[in-house]
Amino acid sequence: YDGYMPFQKQGSEIIREGLTGGLSHRAAIEKLNSA
C-alpha cells in the first residue's frame, strides 16, 4: 500500500530494538503494530 515503504524502514528499526534489548519482545510488537 501507499505508505508501506516508510513503514518498512521504521519497522526494521523496531525489530532491531526488540532483538538488541532496547525493547521487550511484547513492547516491540506493540510498537510495530502502532507504526
PDB file of all heavy atoms in Angstrom:
ATOM      1  N   TYR A   1       0.822  -1.208   0.000  1.00  0.00           N
ATOM      2  CA  TYR A   1       0.000   0.000   0.000  1.00  0.00           C
ATOM      3  C   TYR A   1       0.862   1.266   0.000  1.00  0.00           C
ATOM      4  O   TYR A   1       2.054   1.238   0.362  1.00  0.00           O
ATOM      5  CB  TYR A   1      -0.933  -0.001   1.216  1.00  0.00           C
ATOM      6  CG  TYR A   1      -0.200  -0.050   2.550  1.00  0.00           C
ATOM      7  CD1 TYR A   1       0.216   1.109   3.200  1.00  0.00           C
ATOM      8  CD2 TYR A   1       0.082  -1.283   3.157  1.00  0.00           C
ATOM      9  CE1 TYR A   1       0.886   1.058   4.411  1.00  0.00           C
ATOM     10  CE2 TYR A   1       0.748  -1.337   4.373  1.00  0.00           C
ATOM     11  CZ  TYR A   1       1.145  -0.167   4.985  1.00  0.00           C
ATOM     12  OH  TYR A   1       1.822  -0.226   6.180  1.00  0.00           O
ATOM     13  N   ASP A   2       0.254   2.380  -0.402  1.00  0.00           N
ATOM     14  CA  ASP A   2       0.954   3.663  -0.372  1.00  0.00           C
ATOM     15  C   ASP A   2       1.207   4.039   1.089  1.00  0.00           C
ATOM     16  O   ASP A   2       0.267   4.217   1.858  1.00  0.00           O
ATOM     17  CB  ASP A   2       0.105   4.733  -1.062  1.00  0.00           C
ATOM     18  CG  ASP A   2       0.846   6.049  -1.212  1.00  0.00           C
ATOM     19  OD1 ASP A   2       2.074   6.064  -1.013  1.00  0.00           O
ATOM     20  OD2 ASP A   2       0.191   7.057  -1.536  1.00  0.00           O
ATOM     21  N   GLY A   3       2.451   4.137   1.471  1.00  0.00           N
ATOM     22  CA  GLY A   3       2.829   4.394   2.856  1.00  0.00           C
ATOM     23  C   GLY A   3       3.605   3.233   3.450  1.00  0.00           C
ATOM     24  O   GLY A   3       4.189   3.363   4.531  1.00  0.00           O
ATOM     25  N   TYR A   4       3.629   2.092   2.733  1.00  0.00           N
ATOM     26  CA  TYR A   4       4.340   0.935   3.279  1.00  0.00           C
ATOM     27  C   TYR A   4       5.845   1.147   3.315  1.00  0.00           C
ATOM     28  O   TYR A   4       6.505   0.716   4.276  1.00  0.00           O
ATOM     29  CB  TYR A   4       4.040  -0.336   2.470  1.00  0.00           C
ATOM     30  CG  TYR A   4       4.943  -1.476   2.891  1.00  0.00           C
ATOM     31  CD1 TYR A   4       4.739  -2.117   4.113  1.00  0.00           C
ATOM     32  CD2 TYR A   4       6.050  -1.859   2.129  1.00  0.00           C
ATOM     33  CE1 TYR A   4       5.590  -3.132   4.540  1.00  0.00           C
ATOM     34  CE2 TYR A   4       6.899  -2.866   2.544  1.00  0.00           C
ATOM     35  CZ  TYR A   4       6.671  -3.500   3.749  1.00  0.00           C
ATOM     36  OH  TYR A   4       7.520  -4.480   4.190  1.00  0.00           O
ATOM     37  N   MET A   5       6.428   1.777   2.300  1.00  0.00           N
ATOM     38  CA  MET A   5       7.885   1.874   2.243  1.00  0.00           C
ATOM     39  C   MET A   5       8.485   2.598   3.454  1.00  0.00           C
ATOM     40  O   MET A   5       9.469   2.108   4.028  1.00  0.00           O
ATOM     41  CB  MET A   5       8.328   2.533   0.934  1.00  0.00           C
ATOM     42  CG  MET A   5       8.050   1.684  -0.310  1.00  0.00           C
ATOM     43  SD  MET A   5       8.662  -0.024  -0.197  1.00  0.00           S
ATOM     44  CE  MET A   5      10.411   0.257  -0.007  1.00  0.00           C
ATOM     45  N   PRO A   6       7.932   3.726   3.914  1.00  0.00           N
ATOM     46  CA  PRO A   6       8.459   4.318   5.153  1.00  0.00           C
ATOM     47  C   PRO A   6       8.277   3.380   6.345  1.00  0.00           C
ATOM     48  O   PRO A   6       9.143   3.314   7.229  1.00  0.00           O
ATOM     49  CB  PRO A   6       7.635   5.595   5.308  1.00  0.00           C
ATOM     50  CG  PRO A   6       7.211   5.943   3.927  1.00  0.00           C
ATOM     51  CD  PRO A   6       6.970   4.625   3.253  1.00  0.00           C
ATOM     52  N   PHE A   7       7.151   2.638   6.369  1.00  0.00           N
ATOM     53  CA  PHE A   7       6.962   1.697   7.467  1.00  0.00           C
ATOM     54  C   PHE A   7       8.016   0.600   7.443  1.00  0.00           C
ATOM     55  O   PHE A   7       8.490   0.163   8.508  1.00  0.00           O
ATOM     56  CB  PHE A   7       5.576   1.050   7.416  1.00  0.00           C
ATOM     57  CG  PHE A   7       5.482  -0.152   8.312  1.00  0.00           C
ATOM     58  CD1 PHE A   7       5.368   0.006   9.690  1.00  0.00           C
ATOM     59  CD2 PHE A   7       5.583  -1.445   7.801  1.00  0.00           C
ATOM     60  CE1 PHE A   7       5.329  -1.104  10.539  1.00  0.00           C
ATOM     61  CE2 PHE A   7       5.546  -2.557   8.629  1.00  0.00           C
ATOM     62  CZ  PHE A   7       5.423  -2.386  10.003  1.00  0.00           C
ATOM     63  N   GLN A   8       8.390   0.133   6.265  1.00  0.00           N
ATOM     64  CA  GLN A   8       9.386  -0.935   6.180  1.00  0.00           C
ATOM     65  C   GLN A   8      10.695  -0.514   6.846  1.00  0.00           C
ATOM     66  O   GLN A   8      11.319  -1.309   7.559  1.00  0.00           O
ATOM     67  CB  GLN A   8       9.631  -1.311   4.714  1.00  0.00           C
ATOM     68  CG  GLN A   8      10.619  -2.457   4.536  1.00  0.00           C
ATOM     69  CD  GLN A   8      10.619  -3.010   3.125  1.00  0.00           C
ATOM     70  OE1 GLN A   8       9.817  -3.861   2.781  1.00  0.00           O
ATOM     71  NE2 GLN A   8      11.534  -2.525   2.300  1.00  0.00           N
ATOM     72  N   LYS A   9      11.097   0.725   6.644  1.00  0.00           N
ATOM     73  CA  LYS A   9      12.303   1.237   7.291  1.00  0.00           C
ATOM     74  C   LYS A   9      12.100   1.359   8.798  1.00  0.00           C
ATOM     75  O   LYS A   9      12.941   0.918   9.596  1.00  0.00           O
ATOM     76  CB  LYS A   9      12.685   2.592   6.703  1.00  0.00           C
ATOM     77  CG  LYS A   9      13.979   3.184   7.256  1.00  0.00           C
ATOM     78  CD  LYS A   9      14.298   4.491   6.546  1.00  0.00           C
ATOM     79  CE  LYS A   9      15.665   5.036   6.999  1.00  0.00           C
ATOM     80  NZ  LYS A   9      15.723   5.321   8.435  1.00  0.00           N
ATOM     81  N   GLN A  10      10.979   1.930   9.185  1.00  0.00           N
ATOM     82  CA  GLN A  10      10.693   2.103  10.617  1.00  0.00           C
ATOM     83  C   GLN A  10      10.537   0.745  11.300  1.00  0.00           C
ATOM     84  O   GLN A  10      11.051   0.524  12.405  1.00  0.00           O
ATOM     85  CB  GLN A  10       9.420   2.930  10.792  1.00  0.00           C
ATOM     86  CG  GLN A  10       9.079   3.257  12.244  1.00  0.00           C
ATOM     87  CD  GLN A  10       7.803   4.059  12.377  1.00  0.00           C
ATOM     88  OE1 GLN A  10       7.064   4.257  11.399  1.00  0.00           O
ATOM     89  NE2 GLN A  10       7.511   4.536  13.582  1.00  0.00           N
ATOM     90  N   GLY A  11       9.847  -0.174  10.646  1.00  0.00           N
ATOM     91  CA  GLY A  11       9.636  -1.492  11.221  1.00  0.00           C
ATOM     92  C   GLY A  11      10.933  -2.250  11.419  1.00  0.00           C
ATOM     93  O   GLY A  11      11.098  -2.972  12.418  1.00  0.00           O
ATOM     94  N   SER A  12      11.868  -2.092  10.495  1.00  0.00           N
ATOM     95  CA  SER A  12      13.173  -2.742  10.634  1.00  0.00           C
ATOM     96  C   SER A  12      13.908  -2.241  11.868  1.00  0.00           C
ATOM     97  O   SER A  12      14.552  -3.018  12.583  1.00  0.00           O
ATOM     98  CB  SER A  12      14.011  -2.489   9.376  1.00  0.00           C
ATOM     99  OG  SER A  12      13.381  -3.014   8.230  1.00  0.00           O
ATOM    100  N   GLU A  13      13.799  -0.941  12.109  1.00  0.00           N
ATOM    101  CA  GLU A  13      14.450  -0.363  13.287  1.00  0.00           C
ATOM    102  C   GLU A  13      13.794  -0.864  14.573  1.00  0.00           C
ATOM    103  O   GLU A  13      14.480  -1.110  15.579  1.00  0.00           O
ATOM    104  CB  GLU A  13      14.384   1.158  13.201  1.00  0.00           C
ATOM    105  CG  GLU A  13      15.200   1.721  12.024  1.00  0.00           C
ATOM    106  CD  GLU A  13      14.901   3.178  11.741  1.00  0.00           C
ATOM    107  OE1 GLU A  13      13.942   3.719  12.347  1.00  0.00           O
ATOM    108  OE2 GLU A  13      15.602   3.778  10.900  1.00  0.00           O
ATOM    109  N   ILE A  14      12.478  -1.029  14.561  1.00  0.00           N
ATOM    110  CA  ILE A  14      11.766  -1.527  15.753  1.00  0.00           C
ATOM    111  C   ILE A  14      12.161  -2.976  16.034  1.00  0.00           C
ATOM    112  O   ILE A  14      12.386  -3.361  17.189  1.00  0.00           O
ATOM    113  CB  ILE A  14      10.247  -1.400  15.562  1.00  0.00           C
ATOM    114  CG1 ILE A  14       9.848   0.086  15.493  1.00  0.00           C
ATOM    115  CG2 ILE A  14       9.505  -2.096  16.694  1.00  0.00           C
ATOM    116  CD1 ILE A  14       8.408   0.318  15.066  1.00  0.00           C
ATOM    117  N   ILE A  15      12.244  -3.786  14.990  1.00  0.00           N
ATOM    118  CA  ILE A  15      12.671  -5.175  15.167  1.00  0.00           C
ATOM    119  C   ILE A  15      14.072  -5.221  15.769  1.00  0.00           C
ATOM    120  O   ILE A  15      14.356  -6.026  16.671  1.00  0.00           O
ATOM    121  CB  ILE A  15      12.629  -5.938  13.826  1.00  0.00           C
ATOM    122  CG1 ILE A  15      11.184  -6.126  13.370  1.00  0.00           C
ATOM    123  CG2 ILE A  15      13.337  -7.288  13.937  1.00  0.00           C
ATOM    124  CD1 ILE A  15      10.336  -6.981  14.289  1.00  0.00           C
ATOM    125  N   ARG A  16      14.943  -4.336  15.304  1.00  0.00           N
ATOM    126  CA  ARG A  16      16.290  -4.306  15.868  1.00  0.00           C
ATOM    127  C   ARG A  16      16.252  -3.955  17.352  1.00  0.00           C
ATOM    128  O   ARG A  16      16.979  -4.553  18.159  1.00  0.00           O
ATOM    129  CB  ARG A  16      17.169  -3.317  15.098  1.00  0.00           C
ATOM    130  CG  ARG A  16      18.586  -3.239  15.630  1.00  0.00           C
ATOM    131  CD  ARG A  16      19.509  -2.518  14.696  1.00  0.00           C
ATOM    132  NE  ARG A  16      20.874  -2.466  15.223  1.00  0.00           N
ATOM    133  CZ  ARG A  16      21.938  -2.131  14.513  1.00  0.00           C
ATOM    134  NH1 ARG A  16      21.817  -1.804  13.230  1.00  0.00           N
ATOM    135  NH2 ARG A  16      23.142  -2.118  15.052  1.00  0.00           N
ATOM    136  N   GLU A  17      15.405  -3.001  17.710  1.00  0.00           N
ATOM    137  CA  GLU A  17      15.264  -2.648  19.138  1.00  0.00           C
ATOM    138  C   GLU A  17      14.828  -3.856  19.954  1.00  0.00           C
ATOM    139  O   GLU A  17      15.319  -4.097  21.063  1.00  0.00           O
ATOM    140  CB  GLU A  17      14.229  -1.532  19.303  1.00  0.00           C
ATOM    141  CG  GLU A  17      14.686  -0.145  18.940  1.00  0.00           C
ATOM    142  CD  GLU A  17      13.624   0.874  19.281  1.00  0.00           C
ATOM    143  OE1 GLU A  17      12.741   1.137  18.433  1.00  0.00           O
ATOM    144  OE2 GLU A  17      13.642   1.413  20.419  1.00  0.00           O
ATOM    145  N   GLY A  18      13.902  -4.629  19.407  1.00  0.00           N
ATOM    146  CA  GLY A  18      13.402  -5.785  20.122  1.00  0.00           C
ATOM    147  C   GLY A  18      14.405  -6.923  20.211  1.00  0.00           C
ATOM    148  O   GLY A  18      14.322  -7.761  21.109  1.00  0.00           O
ATOM    149  N   LEU A  19      15.352  -6.940  19.304  1.00  0.00           N
ATOM    150  CA  LEU A  19      16.348  -8.013  19.280  1.00  0.00           C
ATOM    151  C   LEU A  19      17.614  -7.661  20.058  1.00  0.00           C
ATOM    152  O   LEU A  19      18.376  -8.547  20.441  1.00  0.00           O
ATOM    153  CB  LEU A  19      16.730  -8.349  17.833  1.00  0.00           C
ATOM    154  CG  LEU A  19      15.636  -9.017  16.991  1.00  0.00           C
ATOM    155  CD1 LEU A  19      16.098  -9.139  15.543  1.00  0.00           C
ATOM    156  CD2 LEU A  19      15.282 -10.393  17.546  1.00  0.00           C
ATOM    157  N   THR A  20      17.848  -6.394  20.271  1.00  0.00           N
ATOM    158  CA  THR A  20      19.081  -5.980  20.944  1.00  0.00           C
ATOM    159  C   THR A  20      18.839  -5.501  22.369  1.00  0.00           C
ATOM    160  O   THR A  20      19.751  -4.974  23.012  1.00  0.00           O
ATOM    161  CB  THR A  20      19.774  -4.861  20.135  1.00  0.00           C
ATOM    162  OG1 THR A  20      18.871  -3.774  19.942  1.00  0.00           O
ATOM    163  CG2 THR A  20      20.240  -5.385  18.781  1.00  0.00           C
ATOM    164  N   GLY A  21      17.616  -5.666  22.859  1.00  0.00           N
ATOM    165  CA  GLY A  21      17.345  -5.351  24.265  1.00  0.00           C
ATOM    166  C   GLY A  21      16.807  -3.974  24.516  1.00  0.00           C
ATOM    167  O   GLY A  21      16.538  -3.607  25.669  1.00  0.00           O
ATOM    168  N   GLY A  22      16.622  -3.171  23.461  1.00  0.00           N
ATOM    169  CA  GLY A  22      16.072  -1.837  23.668  1.00  0.00           C
ATOM    170  C   GLY A  22      14.612  -1.866  24.052  1.00  0.00           C
ATOM    171  O   GLY A  22      14.103  -0.952  24.709  1.00  0.00           O
ATOM    172  N   LEU A  23      13.923  -2.935  23.621  1.00  0.00           N
ATOM    173  CA  LEU A  23      12.520  -3.129  23.955  1.00  0.00           C
ATOM    174  C   LEU A  23      12.295  -4.596  24.278  1.00  0.00           C
ATOM    175  O   LEU A  23      12.982  -5.472  23.739  1.00  0.00           O
ATOM    176  CB  LEU A  23      11.618  -2.752  22.763  1.00  0.00           C
ATOM    177  CG  LEU A  23      11.470  -1.280  22.371  1.00  0.00           C
ATOM    178  CD1 LEU A  23      10.719  -1.179  21.047  1.00  0.00           C
ATOM    179  CD2 LEU A  23      10.734  -0.499  23.454  1.00  0.00           C
ATOM    180  N   SER A  24      11.332  -4.871  25.140  1.00  0.00           N
ATOM    181  CA  SER A  24      10.936  -6.264  25.331  1.00  0.00           C
ATOM    182  C   SER A  24      10.270  -6.748  24.050  1.00  0.00           C
ATOM    183  O   SER A  24       9.853  -5.951  23.207  1.00  0.00           O
ATOM    184  CB  SER A  24       9.957  -6.385  26.502  1.00  0.00           C
ATOM    185  OG  SER A  24       8.696  -5.816  26.157  1.00  0.00           O
ATOM    186  N   HIS A  25      10.147  -8.061  23.908  1.00  0.00           N
ATOM    187  CA  HIS A  25       9.551  -8.592  22.685  1.00  0.00           C
ATOM    188  C   HIS A  25       8.107  -8.123  22.521  1.00  0.00           C
ATOM    189  O   HIS A  25       7.697  -7.713  21.424  1.00  0.00           O
ATOM    190  CB  HIS A  25       9.633 -10.119  22.688  1.00  0.00           C
ATOM    191  CG  HIS A  25      11.041 -10.620  22.648  1.00  0.00           C
ATOM    192  ND1 HIS A  25      11.409 -11.863  23.124  1.00  0.00           N
ATOM    193  CD2 HIS A  25      12.183 -10.040  22.194  1.00  0.00           C
ATOM    194  CE1 HIS A  25      12.698 -12.021  22.965  1.00  0.00           C
ATOM    195  NE2 HIS A  25      13.197 -10.933  22.408  1.00  0.00           N
ATOM    196  N   ARG A  26       7.325  -8.161  23.588  1.00  0.00           N
ATOM    197  CA  ARG A  26       5.940  -7.703  23.506  1.00  0.00           C
ATOM    198  C   ARG A  26       5.869  -6.207  23.202  1.00  0.00           C
ATOM    199  O   ARG A  26       5.052  -5.770  22.375  1.00  0.00           O
ATOM    200  CB  ARG A  26       5.195  -8.005  24.814  1.00  0.00           C
ATOM    201  CG  ARG A  26       4.802  -9.458  24.990  1.00  0.00           C
ATOM    202  CD  ARG A  26       3.979  -9.616  26.283  1.00  0.00           C
ATOM    203  NE  ARG A  26       2.779  -8.806  26.243  1.00  0.00           N
ATOM    204  CZ  ARG A  26       1.616  -9.207  25.747  1.00  0.00           C
ATOM    205  NH1 ARG A  26       1.507 -10.415  25.238  1.00  0.00           N
ATOM    206  NH2 ARG A  26       0.558  -8.406  25.753  1.00  0.00           N
ATOM    207  N   ALA A  27       6.719  -5.435  23.844  1.00  0.00           N
ATOM    208  CA  ALA A  27       6.707  -3.988  23.610  1.00  0.00           C
ATOM    209  C   ALA A  27       7.099  -3.671  22.165  1.00  0.00           C
ATOM    210  O   ALA A  27       6.551  -2.742  21.544  1.00  0.00           O
ATOM    211  CB  ALA A  27       7.645  -3.288  24.584  1.00  0.00           C
ATOM    212  N   ALA A  28       8.036  -4.428  21.629  1.00  0.00           N
ATOM    213  CA  ALA A  28       8.452  -4.212  20.242  1.00  0.00           C
ATOM    214  C   ALA A  28       7.295  -4.491  19.282  1.00  0.00           C
ATOM    215  O   ALA A  28       7.077  -3.735  18.328  1.00  0.00           O
ATOM    216  CB  ALA A  28       9.649  -5.099  19.907  1.00  0.00           C
ATOM    217  N   ILE A  29       6.544  -5.569  19.520  1.00  0.00           N
ATOM    218  CA  ILE A  29       5.420  -5.889  18.644  1.00  0.00           C
ATOM    219  C   ILE A  29       4.311  -4.850  18.777  1.00  0.00           C
ATOM    220  O   ILE A  29       3.678  -4.453  17.789  1.00  0.00           O
ATOM    221  CB  ILE A  29       4.891  -7.308  18.939  1.00  0.00           C
ATOM    222  CG1 ILE A  29       6.006  -8.343  18.725  1.00  0.00           C
ATOM    223  CG2 ILE A  29       3.698  -7.625  18.030  1.00  0.00           C
ATOM    224  CD1 ILE A  29       6.650  -8.313  17.346  1.00  0.00           C
ATOM    225  N   GLU A  30       4.073  -4.383  19.985  1.00  0.00           N
ATOM    226  CA  GLU A  30       3.078  -3.329  20.169  1.00  0.00           C
ATOM    227  C   GLU A  30       3.480  -2.063  19.410  1.00  0.00           C
ATOM    228  O   GLU A  30       2.649  -1.415  18.753  1.00  0.00           O
ATOM    229  CB  GLU A  30       2.910  -3.022  21.658  1.00  0.00           C
ATOM    230  CG  GLU A  30       2.223  -4.140  22.436  1.00  0.00           C
ATOM    231  CD  GLU A  30       2.225  -3.901  23.933  1.00  0.00           C
ATOM    232  OE1 GLU A  30       2.888  -2.930  24.369  1.00  0.00           O
ATOM    233  OE2 GLU A  30       1.580  -4.683  24.669  1.00  0.00           O
ATOM    234  N   LYS A  31       4.755  -1.709  19.470  1.00  0.00           N
ATOM    235  CA  LYS A  31       5.250  -0.538  18.745  1.00  0.00           C
ATOM    236  C   LYS A  31       5.183  -0.766  17.255  1.00  0.00           C
ATOM    237  O   LYS A  31       4.835   0.146  16.474  1.00  0.00           O
ATOM    238  CB  LYS A  31       6.686  -0.242  19.183  1.00  0.00           C
ATOM    239  CG  LYS A  31       7.263   1.043  18.606  1.00  0.00           C
ATOM    240  CD  LYS A  31       8.647   1.337  19.189  1.00  0.00           C
ATOM    241  CE  LYS A  31       9.227   2.631  18.626  1.00  0.00           C
ATOM    242  NZ  LYS A  31      10.582   2.922  19.203  1.00  0.00           N
ATOM    243  N   LEU A  32       5.489  -1.988  16.817  1.00  0.00           N
ATOM    244  CA  LEU A  32       5.423  -2.339  15.394  1.00  0.00           C
ATOM    245  C   LEU A  32       3.985  -2.208  14.881  1.00  0.00           C
ATOM    246  O   LEU A  32       3.743  -1.632  13.810  1.00  0.00           O
ATOM    247  CB  LEU A  32       5.937  -3.766  15.210  1.00  0.00           C
ATOM    248  CG  LEU A  32       6.204  -4.247  13.783  1.00  0.00           C
ATOM    249  CD1 LEU A  32       7.397  -3.514  13.190  1.00  0.00           C
ATOM    250  CD2 LEU A  32       6.458  -5.758  13.775  1.00  0.00           C
ATOM    251  N   ASN A  33       3.030  -2.708  15.644  1.00  0.00           N
ATOM    252  CA  ASN A  33       1.630  -2.617  15.251  1.00  0.00           C
ATOM    253  C   ASN A  33       1.157  -1.163  15.189  1.00  0.00           C
ATOM    254  O   ASN A  33       0.407  -0.786  14.279  1.00  0.00           O
ATOM    255  CB  ASN A  33       0.749  -3.406  16.225  1.00  0.00           C
ATOM    256  CG  ASN A  33       0.739  -4.887  15.943  1.00  0.00           C
ATOM    257  OD1 ASN A  33       1.007  -5.318  14.814  1.00  0.00           O
ATOM    258  ND2 ASN A  33       0.413  -5.691  16.947  1.00  0.00           N
ATOM    259  N   SER A  34       1.597  -0.357  16.120  1.00  0.00           N
ATOM    260  CA  SER A  34       1.211   1.050  16.130  1.00  0.00           C
ATOM    261  C   SER A  34       1.756   1.762  14.897  1.00  0.00           C
ATOM    262  O   SER A  34       1.053   2.562  14.256  1.00  0.00           O
ATOM    263  CB  SER A  34       1.710   1.740  17.401  1.00  0.00           C
ATOM    264  OG  SER A  34       1.082   1.212  18.546  1.00  0.00           O
ATOM    265  N   ALA A  35       3.015   1.489  14.569  1.00  0.00           N
ATOM    266  CA  ALA A  35       3.615   2.103  13.384  1.00  0.00           C
ATOM    267  C   ALA A  35       2.909   1.652  12.111  1.00  0.00           C
ATOM    268  O   ALA A  35       2.672   2.440  11.188  1.00  0.00           O
ATOM    269  CB  ALA A  35       5.092   1.751  13.316  1.00  0.00           C
TER     270      ALA A  35
END
